[in-house]
Amino acid sequence: MTGAGPGHASGEPARAQLERFLVAGPEALAARLPRPEIARLLAECRAALPQPERPVLRTLHHFACTGGTLFSKAIAALPCTRLLSEVDPFSELGYQMPFAPRDLISLAKAGSNPPGQAVLARIFRAGLAALEADTRAEGRDLVLRDHSHSHFCTNVATGSGLPQRPSMKELLAADYRLLSLVSVRHPLDSWLSLQRQDWVHFAPATLEEYARRYHLFLDHYAGTEILCYEAFIAAPDAGMRKICQVLELPASRDFQQRIAALSLSGDSGRSGAVIAARPRRAVPEAVLADLAQAPTYDSLCARLGYDPDPHAPPWRSPASRMRDV
């Protein structure tokens, strides 16, 4: 055989060539084919094999104080779901002491010679794979509520900087077929709640910086459908139908009745068993002064379809609005 190799000379399929030479023995294969040609044949054979279908995993993404717990409770109230609330293997929040007997990542970080980010990611993916397989075997659907605040709102970097770390999407995309949803709320209302909870974990601690980070978050999840908190509370049943459609979950008409019995981490908002709009919190004078010179906040409101005017109603349409960023 001459030329570029036996496959190219004879037109024989790669798999047939490889099988013929393997029958003759490894020595014959090595003698008659150069190593690059062997590698090419192996790669073609692998590509021709049917690829295993990735399991489905559902993820929720939102900033703190945007109604994320309400969305999560509504999904957790659906039949046959298992929801994990506020997930982030790289978060610097949460456990601050070395006593975390059930948490391998926290133990590793607090132990001697803490491992690097790549090892923490492998620990997380391995544990998640076990839980996902068990959940699927039970006939349930696993849903992860990402703690996006830890990624986008906890560092002190200015400019365009964010922590050098994978996001939840980047961690999971290779192993799962992700079905994801971003939820948002009027930025002024979420900013007021963030200040009230004392959860401003970045610098400068300004509305403009908050809006800049919000833009980065939306850029990162570009192409993911968005559900507005105000639309959901105005029409919960319609919003829930859309959520189930996007996440491919079975719908339930009585999810609102089940929500009151659920308890999830991150439940920091105003309590109540009824899904309904609440009056906007008073806007402090200092925030009103910030609004006068807040072009990034204005552009964020325009991007999400909100009125930036603090005296205007935060939401005007009773219809559910799903958007694409």
Protein backbone atom coordinates (compact mmCIF):
# COMPACT_ATOMS: atom_id res chain seq x y z
CA MET A 1 0.00 0.00 0.00
CA THR A 2 1.32 3.42 -0.95
CA GLY A 3 0.39 7.07 -0.74
CA ALA A 4 -1.29 8.61 2.27
CA GLY A 5 -2.07 5.23 3.83
CA PRO A 6 -4.19 2.15 3.26
CA GLY A 7 -7.45 3.92 4.05
CA HIS A 8 -6.86 6.64 1.54
CA ALA A 9 -5.53 4.27 -1.14
CA SER A 10 -8.31 1.69 -1.00
CA GLY A 11 -11.23 3.74 0.20
CA GLU A 12 -11.83 0.99 2.78
CA PRO A 13 -13.84 2.18 5.82
CA ALA A 14 -11.69 3.00 8.82
CA ARG A 15 -13.38 0.46 11.08
CA ALA A 16 -12.91 -2.37 8.56
CA GLN A 17 -9.24 -1.47 8.12
CA LEU A 18 -8.63 -1.39 11.84
CA GLU A 19 -10.42 -4.68 12.45
CA ARG A 20 -8.39 -6.38 9.67
CA PHE A 21 -5.07 -5.22 11.03
CA LEU A 22 -5.99 -5.98 14.63
CA VAL A 23 -6.81 -9.57 13.63
CA ALA A 24 -3.32 -9.83 12.19
CA GLY A 25 -1.90 -8.71 15.54
CA PRO A 26 -0.51 -5.51 17.07
CA GLU A 27 2.90 -6.10 15.48
CA ALA A 28 1.41 -6.15 11.98
CA LEU A 29 -0.57 -3.00 12.76
CA ALA A 30 2.50 -1.17 14.01
CA ALA A 31 4.63 -2.38 11.08
CA ARG A 32 2.23 -1.44 8.28
CA LEU A 33 0.68 1.79 9.62
CA PRO A 34 2.42 4.90 10.93
CA ARG A 35 1.30 6.08 14.36
CA PRO A 36 -0.58 9.16 13.06
CA GLU A 37 -2.58 6.89 10.78
CA ILE A 38 -3.45 4.58 13.68
CA ALA A 39 -4.58 7.53 15.75
CA ARG A 40 -6.71 8.77 12.85
CA LEU A 41 -8.38 5.39 12.43
CA LEU A 42 -9.11 5.13 16.14
CA ALA A 43 -10.59 8.63 16.19
CA GLU A 44 -12.82 7.81 13.21
CA CYS A 45 -14.00 4.63 14.89
CA ARG A 46 -14.85 6.46 18.09
CA ALA A 47 -16.75 9.11 16.14
CA ALA A 48 -18.76 6.41 14.35
CA LEU A 49 -19.92 4.83 17.61
CA PRO A 50 -23.30 5.96 19.00
CA GLN A 51 -22.75 8.57 21.67
CA PRO A 52 -24.46 8.00 25.03
CA GLU A 53 -27.27 10.45 25.67
CA ARG A 54 -26.47 12.89 28.45
CA PRO A 55 -28.94 12.91 31.34
CA VAL A 56 -31.15 15.96 31.74
CA LEU A 57 -30.41 18.37 34.57
CA ARG A 58 -32.46 21.46 35.37
CA THR A 59 -30.92 24.65 36.76
CA LEU A 60 -32.29 27.95 38.10
CA HIS A 61 -30.25 31.16 38.10
CA HIS A 62 -31.04 34.49 39.75
CA PHE A 63 -29.60 37.21 41.93
CA ALA A 64 -30.33 37.39 45.64
CA CYS A 65 -33.52 39.18 46.72
CA THR A 66 -35.24 38.65 43.37
CA GLY A 67 -37.89 36.14 44.43
CA GLY A 68 -35.76 33.09 43.72
CA THR A 69 -37.02 31.20 46.74
CA LEU A 70 -40.60 31.58 45.56
CA PHE A 71 -39.74 30.13 42.16
CA SER A 72 -37.79 27.33 43.82
CA LYS A 73 -40.63 26.47 46.19
CA ALA A 74 -43.09 26.43 43.31
CA ILE A 75 -40.89 23.94 41.45
CA ALA A 76 -40.21 21.88 44.57
CA ALA A 77 -44.00 21.62 45.05
CA LEU A 78 -44.36 19.81 41.73
CA PRO A 79 -44.73 16.02 41.80
CA CYS A 80 -41.58 13.94 41.44
CA THR A 81 -39.02 16.72 41.77
CA ARG A 82 -35.96 16.94 43.99
CA LEU A 83 -34.65 20.49 44.36
CA LEU A 84 -31.31 21.50 45.85
CA SER A 85 -31.34 25.10 47.04
CA GLU A 86 -28.40 27.54 46.73
CA VAL A 87 -25.75 25.36 45.11
CA ASP A 88 -22.21 26.58 44.43
CA PRO A 89 -19.12 24.43 45.13
CA PHE A 90 -16.83 27.47 44.98
CA SER A 91 -18.79 29.83 47.23
CA GLU A 92 -16.84 31.63 49.93
CA LEU A 93 -20.05 32.15 51.90
CA GLY A 94 -21.70 29.65 54.21
CA TYR A 95 -19.44 27.43 56.32
CA GLN A 96 -16.81 29.61 57.93
CA MET A 97 -15.58 27.04 60.48
CA PRO A 98 -13.74 23.75 59.85
CA PHE A 99 -16.54 21.68 61.45
CA ALA A 100 -18.56 20.41 58.47
CA PRO A 101 -18.65 16.62 58.94
CA ARG A 102 -21.04 15.98 56.04
CA ASP A 103 -19.51 18.37 53.53
CA LEU A 104 -16.43 16.98 51.76
CA ILE A 105 -15.64 20.23 49.93
CA SER A 106 -15.71 22.31 53.12
CA LEU A 107 -13.60 19.72 54.93
CA ALA A 108 -11.07 19.70 52.10
CA LYS A 109 -10.83 23.50 52.07
CA ALA A 110 -10.43 23.65 55.86
CA GLY A 111 -7.98 20.72 56.05
CA SER A 112 -4.23 20.64 55.66
CA ASN A 113 -2.95 21.24 52.12
CA PRO A 114 -6.30 22.37 50.67
CA PRO A 115 -6.86 21.15 47.09
CA GLY A 116 -7.19 23.45 44.13
CA GLN A 117 -10.27 24.46 42.21
CA ALA A 118 -10.04 21.58 39.72
CA VAL A 119 -10.19 19.00 42.52
CA LEU A 120 -13.13 20.75 44.18
CA ALA A 121 -14.94 20.69 40.83
CA ARG A 122 -14.33 16.93 40.50
CA ILE A 123 -15.62 16.31 44.02
CA PHE A 124 -18.76 18.28 43.23
CA ARG A 125 -19.39 16.57 39.90
CA ALA A 126 -18.83 13.11 41.37
CA GLY A 127 -21.29 13.70 44.20
CA LEU A 128 -23.81 15.27 41.85
CA ALA A 129 -23.54 12.31 39.45
CA ALA A 130 -24.44 9.90 42.26
CA LEU A 131 -27.39 12.01 43.35
CA GLU A 132 -28.63 12.55 39.80
CA ALA A 133 -28.50 8.84 39.00
CA ASP A 134 -30.36 7.97 42.21
CA THR A 135 -32.97 10.68 41.54
CA ARG A 136 -33.51 9.43 38.01
CA ALA A 137 -33.78 5.83 39.21
CA GLU A 138 -36.55 6.93 41.57
CA GLY A 139 -38.44 8.48 38.66
CA ARG A 140 -37.80 12.02 39.89
CA ASP A 141 -36.33 15.12 38.24
CA LEU A 142 -33.33 16.86 39.84
CA VAL A 143 -33.33 20.68 39.90
CA LEU A 144 -30.38 22.81 41.08
CA ARG A 145 -30.93 26.33 42.33
CA ASP A 146 -27.63 28.03 41.56
CA HIS A 147 -26.32 30.51 44.14
CA SER A 148 -25.40 33.07 41.48
CA HIS A 149 -24.83 35.71 44.18
CA SER A 150 -21.65 33.88 45.21
CA HIS A 151 -20.25 34.12 41.70
CA PHE A 152 -21.30 37.60 40.58
CA CYS A 153 -21.79 39.60 43.79
CA THR A 154 -19.14 38.65 46.35
CA ASN A 155 -15.79 39.89 45.09
CA VAL A 156 -14.28 43.34 45.42
CA ALA A 157 -12.90 43.55 41.88
CA THR A 158 -13.77 46.66 39.92
CA GLY A 159 -13.93 47.17 36.19
CA SER A 160 -14.94 44.04 34.31
CA GLY A 161 -13.33 41.56 36.70
CA LEU A 162 -15.06 38.55 38.23
CA PRO A 163 -13.61 35.63 40.19
CA GLN A 164 -11.61 33.27 37.99
CA ARG A 165 -13.81 30.22 38.37
CA PRO A 166 -16.29 28.18 36.35
CA SER A 167 -19.96 29.04 36.57
CA MET A 168 -22.59 26.38 37.22
CA LYS A 169 -23.31 26.23 33.49
CA GLU A 170 -19.63 25.71 32.65
CA LEU A 171 -19.28 23.04 35.34
CA LEU A 172 -22.17 20.93 34.12
CA ALA A 173 -22.60 21.48 30.38
CA ALA A 174 -20.27 18.63 29.33
CA ASP A 175 -22.01 15.99 31.47
CA TYR A 176 -25.68 16.98 31.23
CA ARG A 177 -28.27 18.32 28.84
CA LEU A 178 -29.09 21.47 30.75
CA LEU A 179 -32.57 22.94 30.89
CA SER A 180 -32.18 26.35 32.51
CA LEU A 181 -34.22 29.35 33.55
CA VAL A 182 -33.18 32.82 34.71
CA SER A 183 -35.55 34.78 36.93
CA VAL A 184 -35.34 38.53 37.54
CA ARG A 185 -37.04 41.26 39.52
CA HIS A 186 -37.05 45.03 39.19
CA PRO A 187 -33.41 45.98 39.95
CA LEU A 188 -34.41 48.80 42.29
CA ASP A 189 -36.53 46.50 44.45
CA SER A 190 -33.86 43.81 44.61
CA TRP A 191 -31.19 46.44 45.43
CA LEU A 192 -33.30 47.81 48.29
CA SER A 193 -33.81 44.30 49.68
CA LEU A 194 -30.11 43.50 49.30
CA GLN A 195 -29.22 46.55 51.37
CA ARG A 196 -31.85 45.75 53.97
CA GLN A 197 -30.47 42.23 54.39
CA ASP A 198 -26.89 43.58 54.55
CA TRP A 199 -25.88 41.30 51.68
CA VAL A 200 -23.88 43.81 49.63
CA HIS A 201 -20.69 41.75 49.40
CA PHE A 202 -18.89 43.76 46.73
CA ALA A 203 -17.19 47.10 46.30
CA PRO A 204 -17.92 49.78 45.43
CA ALA A 205 -21.24 49.18 47.20
CA THR A 206 -23.28 51.25 44.76
CA LEU A 207 -26.37 50.76 42.63
CA GLU A 208 -24.26 51.34 39.51
CA GLU A 209 -21.86 48.53 40.46
CA TYR A 210 -24.81 46.27 41.21
CA ALA A 211 -26.27 47.02 37.77
CA ARG A 212 -22.90 46.36 36.11
CA ARG A 213 -22.69 42.96 37.73
CA TYR A 214 -26.28 42.23 36.79
CA HIS A 215 -25.37 42.91 33.15
CA LEU A 216 -22.44 40.47 33.43
CA PHE A 217 -24.78 37.84 34.85
CA LEU A 218 -27.25 38.30 31.99
CA ASP A 219 -24.42 38.23 29.44
CA HIS A 220 -23.17 34.97 30.89
CA TYR A 221 -26.59 33.33 30.59
CA ALA A 222 -27.41 34.85 27.21
CA GLY A 223 -29.88 32.65 25.36
CA THR A 224 -31.50 31.41 28.56
CA GLU A 225 -35.18 32.24 28.93
CA ILE A 226 -36.13 34.73 31.61
CA LEU A 227 -39.17 34.88 33.85
CA CYS A 228 -39.98 38.13 35.65
CA TYR A 229 -40.92 37.87 39.31
CA GLU A 230 -43.61 40.51 38.92
CA ALA A 231 -45.20 38.60 36.03
CA PHE A 232 -45.20 35.39 38.03
CA ILE A 233 -46.95 36.82 41.08
CA ALA A 234 -49.48 38.57 38.80
CA ALA A 235 -50.39 35.29 37.08
CA PRO A 236 -48.92 32.32 39.01
CA ASP A 237 -50.70 29.57 37.09
CA ALA A 238 -49.62 30.94 33.72
CA GLY A 239 -46.09 31.46 34.99
CA MET A 240 -45.95 27.92 36.35
CA ARG A 241 -47.10 26.49 33.02
CA LYS A 242 -44.26 28.32 31.31
CA ILE A 243 -41.73 27.12 33.87
CA CYS A 244 -42.84 23.52 33.34
CA GLN A 245 -42.63 23.97 29.59
CA VAL A 246 -39.08 25.36 29.69
CA LEU A 247 -37.79 22.84 32.24
CA GLU A 248 -39.81 19.92 30.84
CA LEU A 249 -41.48 19.20 34.16
CA PRO A 250 -44.95 17.77 34.81
CA ALA A 251 -47.42 20.53 35.67
CA SER A 252 -49.50 20.57 38.84
CA ARG A 253 -52.62 22.63 39.51
CA ASP A 254 -52.24 22.58 43.29
CA PHE A 255 -48.62 23.75 43.55
CA GLN A 256 -49.69 26.91 45.40
CA GLN A 257 -51.30 24.89 48.17
CA ARG A 258 -48.11 22.88 48.64
CA ILE A 259 -45.75 25.85 48.81
CA ALA A 260 -46.72 26.80 52.38
CA ALA A 261 -45.45 23.46 53.67
CA LEU A 262 -42.02 23.81 52.07
CA SER A 263 -38.91 25.27 53.70
CA LEU A 264 -35.83 26.18 51.67
CA SER A 265 -32.60 28.01 52.40
CA GLY A 266 -32.49 31.60 51.25
CA ASP A 267 -36.09 32.33 52.27
CA SER A 268 -35.38 35.93 53.26
CA GLY A 269 -38.31 37.79 51.71
CA ARG A 270 -41.64 38.86 53.11
CA SER A 271 -43.55 35.82 54.33
CA GLY A 272 -47.05 34.76 53.42
CA ALA A 273 -48.89 31.76 52.03
CA VAL A 274 -50.51 33.65 49.13
CA ILE A 275 -48.65 34.50 45.92
CA ALA A 276 -49.48 38.17 45.42
CA ALA A 277 -47.88 41.52 44.78
CA ARG A 278 -46.59 43.51 47.76
CA PRO A 279 -46.16 47.27 48.10
CA ARG A 280 -42.75 48.54 47.08
CA ARG A 281 -40.49 49.38 50.00
CA ALA A 282 -39.79 53.06 50.58
CA VAL A 283 -36.84 54.36 48.60
CA PRO A 284 -34.31 56.11 50.88
CA GLU A 285 -33.08 59.57 49.96
CA ALA A 286 -29.54 58.27 49.42
CA VAL A 287 -30.79 55.79 46.81
CA LEU A 288 -32.87 58.48 45.11
CA ALA A 289 -29.70 60.57 44.84
CA ASP A 290 -27.84 57.59 43.29
CA LEU A 291 -30.63 57.16 40.73
CA ALA A 292 -30.03 60.65 39.41
CA GLN A 293 -26.66 59.52 38.02
CA ALA A 294 -27.04 55.84 37.24
CA PRO A 295 -26.73 55.19 33.49
CA THR A 296 -25.90 51.50 33.95
CA TYR A 297 -29.00 51.05 36.09
CA ASP A 298 -31.06 52.77 33.40
CA SER A 299 -29.68 50.48 30.70
CA LEU A 300 -30.34 47.43 32.88
CA CYS A 301 -33.97 48.43 33.35
CA ALA A 302 -34.30 48.95 29.61
CA ARG A 303 -32.76 45.54 28.94
CA LEU A 304 -35.22 43.81 31.26
CA GLY A 305 -38.24 45.90 30.31
CA TYR A 306 -38.67 47.76 33.61
CA ASP A 307 -39.37 51.45 34.19
CA PRO A 308 -36.33 52.97 35.98
CA ASP A 309 -38.47 55.71 37.57
CA PRO A 310 -38.73 54.94 41.32
CA HIS A 311 -42.15 56.61 41.41
CA ALA A 312 -43.59 54.49 38.58
CA PRO A 313 -45.24 51.11 39.20
CA PRO A 314 -42.56 48.42 39.10
CA TRP A 315 -44.74 46.27 36.84
CA ARG A 316 -47.54 47.27 34.50
CA SER A 317 -48.58 44.14 32.62
CA PRO A 318 -50.51 41.27 34.24
CA ALA A 319 -49.33 38.85 31.57
CA SER A 320 -46.42 36.50 32.06
CA ARG A 321 -43.39 37.67 30.07
CA MET A 322 -40.75 35.20 29.03
CA ARG A 323 -37.79 36.89 27.41
CA ASP A 324 -34.51 36.00 25.87
CA VAL A 325 -31.48 38.04 26.79
